[in-house]
Amino acid sequence: MDIDTLTIVLSPKDINQISEANRKIFREEIEAYAKSLHKTTKFISHQEACKELQCSPPTLTRWRLKSYITGVQIGRKYFYTDEEVNRAKTQGLLYKH
């Protein structure tokens, strides 16, 4: 027996329940996204990053140019996120020569 069509019958109550469930899921996703936006990112200067990574300023510049670590340029100065510096320290990403 082949079935070419499928018919689903929903009452208005069923549709309301589905809509309410979708709204709840959507609201939870929006709240989770809003919480992630409130997470603050701390930026540290080039000199502070050098101290954290125990390297010289030219070395940190070379690592940035080779994309071992990413910096954010604000004006003429570069800043690094504390997360990026900690990742570089813990995972040893800077020593892939």
PDB file of N, CA and C in Angstrom:
ATOM      1  N   MET A   1       0.851  -1.184   0.000  1.00  0.00           N
ATOM      2  CA  MET A   1       0.000   0.000   0.000  1.00  0.00           C
ATOM      3  C   MET A   1       0.891   1.240   0.000  1.00  0.00           C
ATOM      4  N   ASP A   2       0.755   2.052  -1.031  1.00  0.00           N
ATOM      5  CA  ASP A   2       1.522   3.288  -1.143  1.00  0.00           C
ATOM      6  C   ASP A   2       0.712   4.445  -0.575  1.00  0.00           C
ATOM      7  N   ILE A   3       1.403   5.282   0.168  1.00  0.00           N
ATOM      8  CA  ILE A   3       0.751   6.486   0.704  1.00  0.00           C
ATOM      9  C   ILE A   3       1.369   7.684   0.002  1.00  0.00           C
ATOM     10  N   ASP A   4       0.547   8.399  -0.733  1.00  0.00           N
ATOM     11  CA  ASP A   4       1.037   9.564  -1.464  1.00  0.00           C
ATOM     12  C   ASP A   4       0.912  10.840  -0.646  1.00  0.00           C
ATOM     13  N   THR A   5      -0.039  10.889   0.236  1.00  0.00           N
ATOM     14  CA  THR A   5      -0.240  12.096   1.026  1.00  0.00           C
ATOM     15  C   THR A   5      -0.398  11.729   2.488  1.00  0.00           C
ATOM     16  N   LEU A   6      -0.088  12.658   3.316  1.00  0.00           N
ATOM     17  CA  LEU A   6      -0.247  12.505   4.750  1.00  0.00           C
ATOM     18  C   LEU A   6      -1.054  13.686   5.240  1.00  0.00           C
ATOM     19  N   THR A   7      -2.064  13.424   5.958  1.00  0.00           N
ATOM     20  CA  THR A   7      -2.921  14.478   6.479  1.00  0.00           C
ATOM     21  C   THR A   7      -2.772  14.528   7.994  1.00  0.00           C
ATOM     22  N   ILE A   8      -2.468  15.702   8.500  1.00  0.00           N
ATOM     23  CA  ILE A   8      -2.372  15.912   9.942  1.00  0.00           C
ATOM     24  C   ILE A   8      -3.468  16.879  10.330  1.00  0.00           C
ATOM     25  N   VAL A   9      -4.229  16.473  11.312  1.00  0.00           N
ATOM     26  CA  VAL A   9      -5.333  17.310  11.778  1.00  0.00           C
ATOM     27  C   VAL A   9      -4.963  17.861  13.143  1.00  0.00           C
ATOM     28  N   LEU A  10      -4.939  19.167  13.265  1.00  0.00           N
ATOM     29  CA  LEU A  10      -4.619  19.828  14.524  1.00  0.00           C
ATOM     30  C   LEU A  10      -5.784  20.708  14.941  1.00  0.00           C
ATOM     31  N   SER A  11      -6.065  20.645  16.207  1.00  0.00           N
ATOM     32  CA  SER A  11      -7.102  21.534  16.730  1.00  0.00           C
ATOM     33  C   SER A  11      -6.467  22.871  17.074  1.00  0.00           C
ATOM     34  N   PRO A  12      -7.252  23.906  17.252  1.00  0.00           N
ATOM     35  CA  PRO A  12      -6.688  25.197  17.677  1.00  0.00           C
ATOM     36  C   PRO A  12      -5.904  25.081  18.981  1.00  0.00           C
ATOM     37  N   LYS A  13      -6.339  24.217  19.871  1.00  0.00           N
ATOM     38  CA  LYS A  13      -5.633  24.011  21.149  1.00  0.00           C
ATOM     39  C   LYS A  13      -4.236  23.427  20.882  1.00  0.00           C
ATOM     40  N   ASP A  14      -4.146  22.475  19.954  1.00  0.00           N
ATOM     41  CA  ASP A  14      -2.862  21.878  19.599  1.00  0.00           C
ATOM     42  C   ASP A  14      -1.914  22.926  19.013  1.00  0.00           C
ATOM     43  N   ILE A  15      -2.447  23.764  18.158  1.00  0.00           N
ATOM     44  CA  ILE A  15      -1.643  24.823  17.537  1.00  0.00           C
ATOM     45  C   ILE A  15      -1.146  25.791  18.595  1.00  0.00           C
ATOM     46  N   ASN A  16      -1.975  26.154  19.550  1.00  0.00           N
ATOM     47  CA  ASN A  16      -1.559  27.043  20.633  1.00  0.00           C
ATOM     48  C   ASN A  16      -0.459  26.413  21.472  1.00  0.00           C
ATOM     49  N   GLN A  17      -0.571  25.115  21.742  1.00  0.00           N
ATOM     50  CA  GLN A  17       0.458  24.434  22.530  1.00  0.00           C
ATOM     51  C   GLN A  17       1.794  24.413  21.792  1.00  0.00           C
ATOM     52  N   ILE A  18       1.731  24.152  20.505  1.00  0.00           N
ATOM     53  CA  ILE A  18       2.962  24.150  19.697  1.00  0.00           C
ATOM     54  C   ILE A  18       3.573  25.550  19.656  1.00  0.00           C
ATOM     55  N   SER A  19       2.736  26.550  19.468  1.00  0.00           N
ATOM     56  CA  SER A  19       3.226  27.932  19.424  1.00  0.00           C
ATOM     57  C   SER A  19       3.857  28.330  20.745  1.00  0.00           C
ATOM     58  N   GLU A  20       3.226  27.952  21.849  1.00  0.00           N
ATOM     59  CA  GLU A  20       3.763  28.286  23.171  1.00  0.00           C
ATOM     60  C   GLU A  20       5.102  27.588  23.405  1.00  0.00           C
ATOM     61  N   ALA A  21       5.205  26.336  22.985  1.00  0.00           N
ATOM     62  CA  ALA A  21       6.466  25.597  23.126  1.00  0.00           C
ATOM     63  C   ALA A  21       7.566  26.262  22.300  1.00  0.00           C
ATOM     64  N   ASN A  22       7.234  26.670  21.085  1.00  0.00           N
ATOM     65  CA  ASN A  22       8.218  27.351  20.238  1.00  0.00           C
ATOM     66  C   ASN A  22       8.640  28.685  20.843  1.00  0.00           C
ATOM     67  N   ARG A  23       7.682  29.423  21.388  1.00  0.00           N
ATOM     68  CA  ARG A  23       8.016  30.704  22.030  1.00  0.00           C
ATOM     69  C   ARG A  23       8.950  30.485  23.218  1.00  0.00           C
ATOM     70  N   LYS A  24       8.699  29.445  23.990  1.00  0.00           N
ATOM     71  CA  LYS A  24       9.539  29.157  25.157  1.00  0.00           C
ATOM     72  C   LYS A  24      10.967  28.836  24.721  1.00  0.00           C
ATOM     73  N   ILE A  25      11.087  27.995  23.708  1.00  0.00           N
ATOM     74  CA  ILE A  25      12.428  27.648  23.200  1.00  0.00           C
ATOM     75  C   ILE A  25      13.126  28.886  22.662  1.00  0.00           C
ATOM     76  N   PHE A  26      12.422  29.691  21.895  1.00  0.00           N
ATOM     77  CA  PHE A  26      12.991  30.904  21.330  1.00  0.00           C
ATOM     78  C   PHE A  26      13.424  31.862  22.434  1.00  0.00           C
ATOM     79  N   ARG A  27      12.589  32.026  23.459  1.00  0.00           N
ATOM     80  CA  ARG A  27      12.905  32.916  24.574  1.00  0.00           C
ATOM     81  C   ARG A  27      14.161  32.437  25.299  1.00  0.00           C
ATOM     82  N   GLU A  28      14.290  31.121  25.520  1.00  0.00           N
ATOM     83  CA  GLU A  28      15.472  30.575  26.188  1.00  0.00           C
ATOM     84  C   GLU A  28      16.740  30.817  25.369  1.00  0.00           C
ATOM     85  N   GLU A  29      16.626  30.663  24.061  1.00  0.00           N
ATOM     86  CA  GLU A  29      17.791  30.908  23.198  1.00  0.00           C
ATOM     87  C   GLU A  29      18.189  32.375  23.213  1.00  0.00           C
ATOM     88  N   ILE A  30      17.215  33.261  23.201  1.00  0.00           N
ATOM     89  CA  ILE A  30      17.501  34.700  23.256  1.00  0.00           C
ATOM     90  C   ILE A  30      18.150  35.059  24.586  1.00  0.00           C
ATOM     91  N   GLU A  31      17.652  34.504  25.686  1.00  0.00           N
ATOM     92  CA  GLU A  31      18.234  34.792  27.002  1.00  0.00           C
ATOM     93  C   GLU A  31      19.666  34.280  27.090  1.00  0.00           C
ATOM     94  N   ALA A  32      19.928  33.094  26.552  1.00  0.00           N
ATOM     95  CA  ALA A  32      21.291  32.559  26.565  1.00  0.00           C
ATOM     96  C   ALA A  32      22.229  33.433  25.738  1.00  0.00           C
ATOM     97  N   TYR A  33      21.747  33.905  24.592  1.00  0.00           N
ATOM     98  CA  TYR A  33      22.557  34.783  23.753  1.00  0.00           C
ATOM     99  C   TYR A  33      22.820  36.109  24.460  1.00  0.00           C
ATOM    100  N   ALA A  34      21.815  36.653  25.122  1.00  0.00           N
ATOM    101  CA  ALA A  34      21.982  37.917  25.845  1.00  0.00           C
ATOM    102  C   ALA A  34      23.004  37.763  26.962  1.00  0.00           C
ATOM    103  N   LYS A  35      22.990  36.631  27.658  1.00  0.00           N
ATOM    104  CA  LYS A  35      23.971  36.399  28.718  1.00  0.00           C
ATOM    105  C   LYS A  35      25.383  36.321  28.152  1.00  0.00           C
ATOM    106  N   SER A  36      25.513  35.711  26.973  1.00  0.00           N
ATOM    107  CA  SER A  36      26.841  35.612  26.375  1.00  0.00           C
ATOM    108  C   SER A  36      27.365  36.987  25.965  1.00  0.00           C
ATOM    109  N   LEU A  37      26.472  37.915  25.633  1.00  0.00           N
ATOM    110  CA  LEU A  37      26.902  39.264  25.279  1.00  0.00           C
ATOM    111  C   LEU A  37      27.386  40.050  26.486  1.00  0.00           C
ATOM    112  N   HIS A  38      26.886  39.707  27.655  1.00  0.00           N
ATOM    113  CA  HIS A  38      27.284  40.417  28.867  1.00  0.00           C
ATOM    114  C   HIS A  38      28.665  40.004  29.353  1.00  0.00           C
ATOM    115  N   LYS A  39      29.191  38.941  28.765  1.00  0.00           N
ATOM    116  CA  LYS A  39      30.528  38.504  29.120  1.00  0.00           C
ATOM    117  C   LYS A  39      31.510  39.588  28.679  1.00  0.00           C
ATOM    118  N   THR A  40      32.290  40.069  29.601  1.00  0.00           N
ATOM    119  CA  THR A  40      33.216  41.151  29.273  1.00  0.00           C
ATOM    120  C   THR A  40      34.561  40.583  28.824  1.00  0.00           C
ATOM    121  N   THR A  41      35.134  41.223  27.868  1.00  0.00           N
ATOM    122  CA  THR A  41      36.446  40.844  27.362  1.00  0.00           C
ATOM    123  C   THR A  41      37.446  41.877  27.847  1.00  0.00           C
ATOM    124  N   LYS A  42      38.489  41.401  28.470  1.00  0.00           N
ATOM    125  CA  LYS A  42      39.519  42.299  28.985  1.00  0.00           C
ATOM    126  C   LYS A  42      40.648  42.365  27.949  1.00  0.00           C
ATOM    127  N   PHE A  43      41.038  43.575  27.611  1.00  0.00           N
ATOM    128  CA  PHE A  43      42.144  43.777  26.687  1.00  0.00           C
ATOM    129  C   PHE A  43      43.370  44.191  27.475  1.00  0.00           C
ATOM    130  N   ILE A  44      44.516  43.647  27.095  1.00  0.00           N
ATOM    131  CA  ILE A  44      45.761  44.028  27.753  1.00  0.00           C
ATOM    132  C   ILE A  44      46.704  44.613  26.709  1.00  0.00           C
ATOM    133  N   SER A  45      47.582  45.474  27.178  1.00  0.00           N
ATOM    134  CA  SER A  45      48.489  46.171  26.269  1.00  0.00           C
ATOM    135  C   SER A  45      49.598  45.241  25.777  1.00  0.00           C
ATOM    136  N   HIS A  46      50.349  45.746  24.836  1.00  0.00           N
ATOM    137  CA  HIS A  46      51.469  44.996  24.261  1.00  0.00           C
ATOM    138  C   HIS A  46      52.487  44.649  25.348  1.00  0.00           C
ATOM    139  N   GLN A  47      52.804  45.633  26.196  1.00  0.00           N
ATOM    140  CA  GLN A  47      53.783  45.403  27.260  1.00  0.00           C
ATOM    141  C   GLN A  47      53.278  44.378  28.273  1.00  0.00           C
ATOM    142  N   GLU A  48      51.996  44.467  28.642  1.00  0.00           N
ATOM    143  CA  GLU A  48      51.444  43.507  29.600  1.00  0.00           C
ATOM    144  C   GLU A  48      51.433  42.093  29.008  1.00  0.00           C
ATOM    145  N   ALA A  49      51.122  41.996  27.721  1.00  0.00           N
ATOM    146  CA  ALA A  49      51.133  40.694  27.064  1.00  0.00           C
ATOM    147  C   ALA A  49      52.543  40.112  27.044  1.00  0.00           C
ATOM    148  N   CYS A  50      53.535  40.970  26.830  1.00  0.00           N
ATOM    149  CA  CYS A  50      54.931  40.513  26.855  1.00  0.00           C
ATOM    150  C   CYS A  50      55.293  39.952  28.229  1.00  0.00           C
ATOM    151  N   LYS A  51      54.869  40.627  29.268  1.00  0.00           N
ATOM    152  CA  LYS A  51      55.147  40.133  30.623  1.00  0.00           C
ATOM    153  C   LYS A  51      54.470  38.794  30.865  1.00  0.00           C
ATOM    154  N   GLU A  52      53.215  38.681  30.444  1.00  0.00           N
ATOM    155  CA  GLU A  52      52.468  37.429  30.634  1.00  0.00           C
ATOM    156  C   GLU A  52      53.110  36.275  29.879  1.00  0.00           C
ATOM    157  N   LEU A  53      53.555  36.546  28.657  1.00  0.00           N
ATOM    158  CA  LEU A  53      54.112  35.496  27.808  1.00  0.00           C
ATOM    159  C   LEU A  53      55.620  35.340  27.960  1.00  0.00           C
ATOM    160  N   GLN A  54      56.214  36.191  28.774  1.00  0.00           N
ATOM    161  CA  GLN A  54      57.654  36.173  29.025  1.00  0.00           C
ATOM    162  C   GLN A  54      58.443  36.232  27.722  1.00  0.00           C
ATOM    163  N   CYS A  55      58.138  37.263  26.945  1.00  0.00           N
ATOM    164  CA  CYS A  55      58.841  37.460  25.684  1.00  0.00           C
ATOM    165  C   CYS A  55      59.122  38.949  25.512  1.00  0.00           C
ATOM    166  N   SER A  56      59.956  39.264  24.546  1.00  0.00           N
ATOM    167  CA  SER A  56      60.281  40.667  24.283  1.00  0.00           C
ATOM    168  C   SER A  56      59.218  41.271  23.357  1.00  0.00           C
ATOM    169  N   PRO A  57      59.098  42.604  23.338  1.00  0.00           N
ATOM    170  CA  PRO A  57      58.133  43.244  22.436  1.00  0.00           C
ATOM    171  C   PRO A  57      58.321  42.884  20.963  1.00  0.00           C
ATOM    172  N   PRO A  58      59.566  42.847  20.445  1.00  0.00           N
ATOM    173  CA  PRO A  58      59.711  42.441  19.035  1.00  0.00           C
ATOM    174  C   PRO A  58      59.248  41.000  18.772  1.00  0.00           C
ATOM    175  N   THR A  59      59.459  40.119  19.749  1.00  0.00           N
ATOM    176  CA  THR A  59      59.016  38.731  19.589  1.00  0.00           C
ATOM    177  C   THR A  59      57.499  38.658  19.508  1.00  0.00           C
ATOM    178  N   LEU A  60      56.812  39.390  20.389  1.00  0.00           N
ATOM    179  CA  LEU A  60      55.351  39.394  20.359  1.00  0.00           C
ATOM    180  C   LEU A  60      54.834  39.965  19.036  1.00  0.00           C
ATOM    181  N   THR A  61      55.512  40.993  18.534  1.00  0.00           N
ATOM    182  CA  THR A  61      55.130  41.559  17.235  1.00  0.00           C
ATOM    183  C   THR A  61      55.305  40.524  16.125  1.00  0.00           C
ATOM    184  N   ARG A  62      56.405  39.804  16.156  1.00  0.00           N
ATOM    185  CA  ARG A  62      56.656  38.770  15.140  1.00  0.00           C
ATOM    186  C   ARG A  62      55.595  37.674  15.224  1.00  0.00           C
ATOM    187  N   TRP A  63      55.233  37.264  16.445  1.00  0.00           N
ATOM    188  CA  TRP A  63      54.193  36.245  16.629  1.00  0.00           C
ATOM    189  C   TRP A  63      52.851  36.737  16.084  1.00  0.00           C
ATOM    190  N   ARG A  64      52.571  38.023  16.289  1.00  0.00           N
ATOM    191  CA  ARG A  64      51.315  38.585  15.773  1.00  0.00           C
ATOM    192  C   ARG A  64      51.329  38.593  14.251  1.00  0.00           C
ATOM    193  N   LEU A  65      52.453  38.975  13.658  1.00  0.00           N
ATOM    194  CA  LEU A  65      52.564  39.022  12.205  1.00  0.00           C
ATOM    195  C   LEU A  65      52.481  37.626  11.584  1.00  0.00           C
ATOM    196  N   LYS A  66      52.946  36.610  12.315  1.00  0.00           N
ATOM    197  CA  LYS A  66      52.860  35.232  11.833  1.00  0.00           C
ATOM    198  C   LYS A  66      51.533  34.577  12.211  1.00  0.00           C
ATOM    199  N   SER A  67      50.645  35.344  12.833  1.00  0.00           N
ATOM    200  CA  SER A  67      49.306  34.887  13.232  1.00  0.00           C
ATOM    201  C   SER A  67      49.339  33.788  14.294  1.00  0.00           C
ATOM    202  N   TYR A  68      50.394  33.744  15.097  1.00  0.00           N
ATOM    203  CA  TYR A  68      50.399  32.829  16.228  1.00  0.00           C
ATOM    204  C   TYR A  68      49.463  33.348  17.318  1.00  0.00           C
ATOM    205  N   ILE A  69      49.333  34.657  17.379  1.00  0.00           N
ATOM    206  CA  ILE A  69      48.440  35.308  18.326  1.00  0.00           C
ATOM    207  C   ILE A  69      47.804  36.489  17.586  1.00  0.00           C
ATOM    208  N   THR A  70      46.561  36.762  17.865  1.00  0.00           N
ATOM    209  CA  THR A  70      45.894  37.861  17.167  1.00  0.00           C
ATOM    210  C   THR A  70      45.804  39.070  18.076  1.00  0.00           C
ATOM    211  N   GLY A  71      46.025  40.210  17.502  1.00  0.00           N
ATOM    212  CA  GLY A  71      45.921  41.458  18.243  1.00  0.00           C
ATOM    213  C   GLY A  71      44.856  42.347  17.632  1.00  0.00           C
ATOM    214  N   VAL A  72      44.387  43.271  18.437  1.00  0.00           N
ATOM    215  CA  VAL A  72      43.409  44.246  17.978  1.00  0.00           C
ATOM    216  C   VAL A  72      44.105  45.593  17.938  1.00  0.00           C
ATOM    217  N   GLN A  73      44.103  46.219  16.785  1.00  0.00           N
ATOM    218  CA  GLN A  73      44.762  47.503  16.653  1.00  0.00           C
ATOM    219  C   GLN A  73      43.768  48.613  16.975  1.00  0.00           C
ATOM    220  N   ILE A  74      44.153  49.448  17.923  1.00  0.00           N
ATOM    221  CA  ILE A  74      43.370  50.626  18.279  1.00  0.00           C
ATOM    222  C   ILE A  74      44.300  51.816  18.125  1.00  0.00           C
ATOM    223  N   GLY A  75      44.056  52.586  17.094  1.00  0.00           N
ATOM    224  CA  GLY A  75      44.989  53.667  16.768  1.00  0.00           C
ATOM    225  C   GLY A  75      46.273  53.057  16.249  1.00  0.00           C
ATOM    226  N   ARG A  76      47.385  53.440  16.868  1.00  0.00           N
ATOM    227  CA  ARG A  76      48.676  52.876  16.475  1.00  0.00           C
ATOM    228  C   ARG A  76      49.101  51.721  17.357  1.00  0.00           C
ATOM    229  N   LYS A  77      48.354  51.462  18.422  1.00  0.00           N
ATOM    230  CA  LYS A  77      48.748  50.448  19.402  1.00  0.00           C
ATOM    231  C   LYS A  77      47.962  49.159  19.210  1.00  0.00           C
ATOM    232  N   TYR A  78      48.608  48.055  19.605  1.00  0.00           N
ATOM    233  CA  TYR A  78      47.958  46.749  19.568  1.00  0.00           C
ATOM    234  C   TYR A  78      47.613  46.315  20.980  1.00  0.00           C
ATOM    235  N   PHE A  79      46.461  45.696  21.098  1.00  0.00           N
ATOM    236  CA  PHE A  79      46.004  45.137  22.354  1.00  0.00           C
ATOM    237  C   PHE A  79      45.635  43.681  22.114  1.00  0.00           C
ATOM    238  N   TYR A  80      45.704  42.886  23.169  1.00  0.00           N
ATOM    239  CA  TYR A  80      45.428  41.467  23.074  1.00  0.00           C
ATOM    240  C   TYR A  80      44.393  41.114  24.138  1.00  0.00           C
ATOM    241  N   THR A  81      43.505  40.177  23.800  1.00  0.00           N
ATOM    242  CA  THR A  81      42.529  39.766  24.805  1.00  0.00           C
ATOM    243  C   THR A  81      43.227  38.847  25.801  1.00  0.00           C
ATOM    244  N   ASP A  82      42.781  38.923  27.051  1.00  0.00           N
ATOM    245  CA  ASP A  82      43.376  38.052  28.056  1.00  0.00           C
ATOM    246  C   ASP A  82      43.116  36.587  27.724  1.00  0.00           C
ATOM    247  N   GLU A  83      41.995  36.291  27.076  1.00  0.00           N
ATOM    248  CA  GLU A  83      41.700  34.916  26.666  1.00  0.00           C
ATOM    249  C   GLU A  83      42.710  34.420  25.641  1.00  0.00           C
ATOM    250  N   GLU A  84      43.059  35.286  24.697  1.00  0.00           N
ATOM    251  CA  GLU A  84      44.017  34.911  23.654  1.00  0.00           C
ATOM    252  C   GLU A  84      45.397  34.665  24.257  1.00  0.00           C
ATOM    253  N   VAL A  85      45.808  35.514  25.184  1.00  0.00           N
ATOM    254  CA  VAL A  85      47.114  35.355  25.828  1.00  0.00           C
ATOM    255  C   VAL A  85      47.132  34.075  26.662  1.00  0.00           C
ATOM    256  N   ASN A  86      46.066  33.817  27.407  1.00  0.00           N
ATOM    257  CA  ASN A  86      45.996  32.587  28.211  1.00  0.00           C
ATOM    258  C   ASN A  86      45.987  31.354  27.322  1.00  0.00           C
ATOM    259  N   ARG A  87      45.290  31.411  26.192  1.00  0.00           N
ATOM    260  CA  ARG A  87      45.273  30.288  25.256  1.00  0.00           C
ATOM    261  C   ARG A  87      46.684  30.026  24.726  1.00  0.00           C
ATOM    262  N   ALA A  88      47.379  31.098  24.400  1.00  0.00           N
ATOM    263  CA  ALA A  88      48.736  30.957  23.880  1.00  0.00           C
ATOM    264  C   ALA A  88      49.660  30.347  24.930  1.00  0.00           C
ATOM    265  N   LYS A  89      49.464  30.746  26.185  1.00  0.00           N
ATOM    266  CA  LYS A  89      50.292  30.204  27.264  1.00  0.00           C
ATOM    267  C   LYS A  89      49.997  28.737  27.527  1.00  0.00           C
ATOM    268  N   THR A  90      48.735  28.389  27.611  1.00  0.00           N
ATOM    269  CA  THR A  90      48.375  27.031  28.014  1.00  0.00           C
ATOM    270  C   THR A  90      48.513  26.014  26.888  1.00  0.00           C
ATOM    271  N   GLN A  91      48.235  26.410  25.663  1.00  0.00           N
ATOM    272  CA  GLN A  91      48.298  25.460  24.551  1.00  0.00           C
ATOM    273  C   GLN A  91      49.626  25.482  23.822  1.00  0.00           C
ATOM    274  N   GLY A  92      50.484  26.410  24.176  1.00  0.00           N
ATOM    275  CA  GLY A  92      51.790  26.474  23.548  1.00  0.00           C
ATOM    276  C   GLY A  92      51.740  26.763  22.047  1.00  0.00           C
ATOM    277  N   LEU A  93      50.753  27.517  21.618  1.00  0.00           N
ATOM    278  CA  LEU A  93      50.597  27.784  20.198  1.00  0.00           C
ATOM    279  C   LEU A  93      51.693  28.676  19.633  1.00  0.00           C
ATOM    280  N   LEU A  94      52.400  29.368  20.502  1.00  0.00           N
ATOM    281  CA  LEU A  94      53.390  30.322  20.020  1.00  0.00           C
ATOM    282  C   LEU A  94      54.676  29.651  19.565  1.00  0.00           C
ATOM    283  N   TYR A  95      54.831  28.392  19.896  1.00  0.00           N
ATOM    284  CA  TYR A  95      56.113  27.754  19.623  1.00  0.00           C
ATOM    285  C   TYR A  95      56.061  26.816  18.430  1.00  0.00           C
ATOM    286  N   LYS A  96      55.132  27.055  17.498  1.00  0.00           N
ATOM    287  CA  LYS A  96      55.067  26.290  16.255  1.00  0.00           C
ATOM    288  C   LYS A  96      55.946  26.993  15.223  1.00  0.00           C
ATOM    289  N   HIS A  97      57.219  26.707  15.234  1.00  0.00           N
ATOM    290  CA  HIS A  97      58.155  27.388  14.328  1.00  0.00           C
ATOM    291  C   HIS A  97      58.363  26.580  13.079  1.00  0.00           C
TER     292      HIS A  97
END
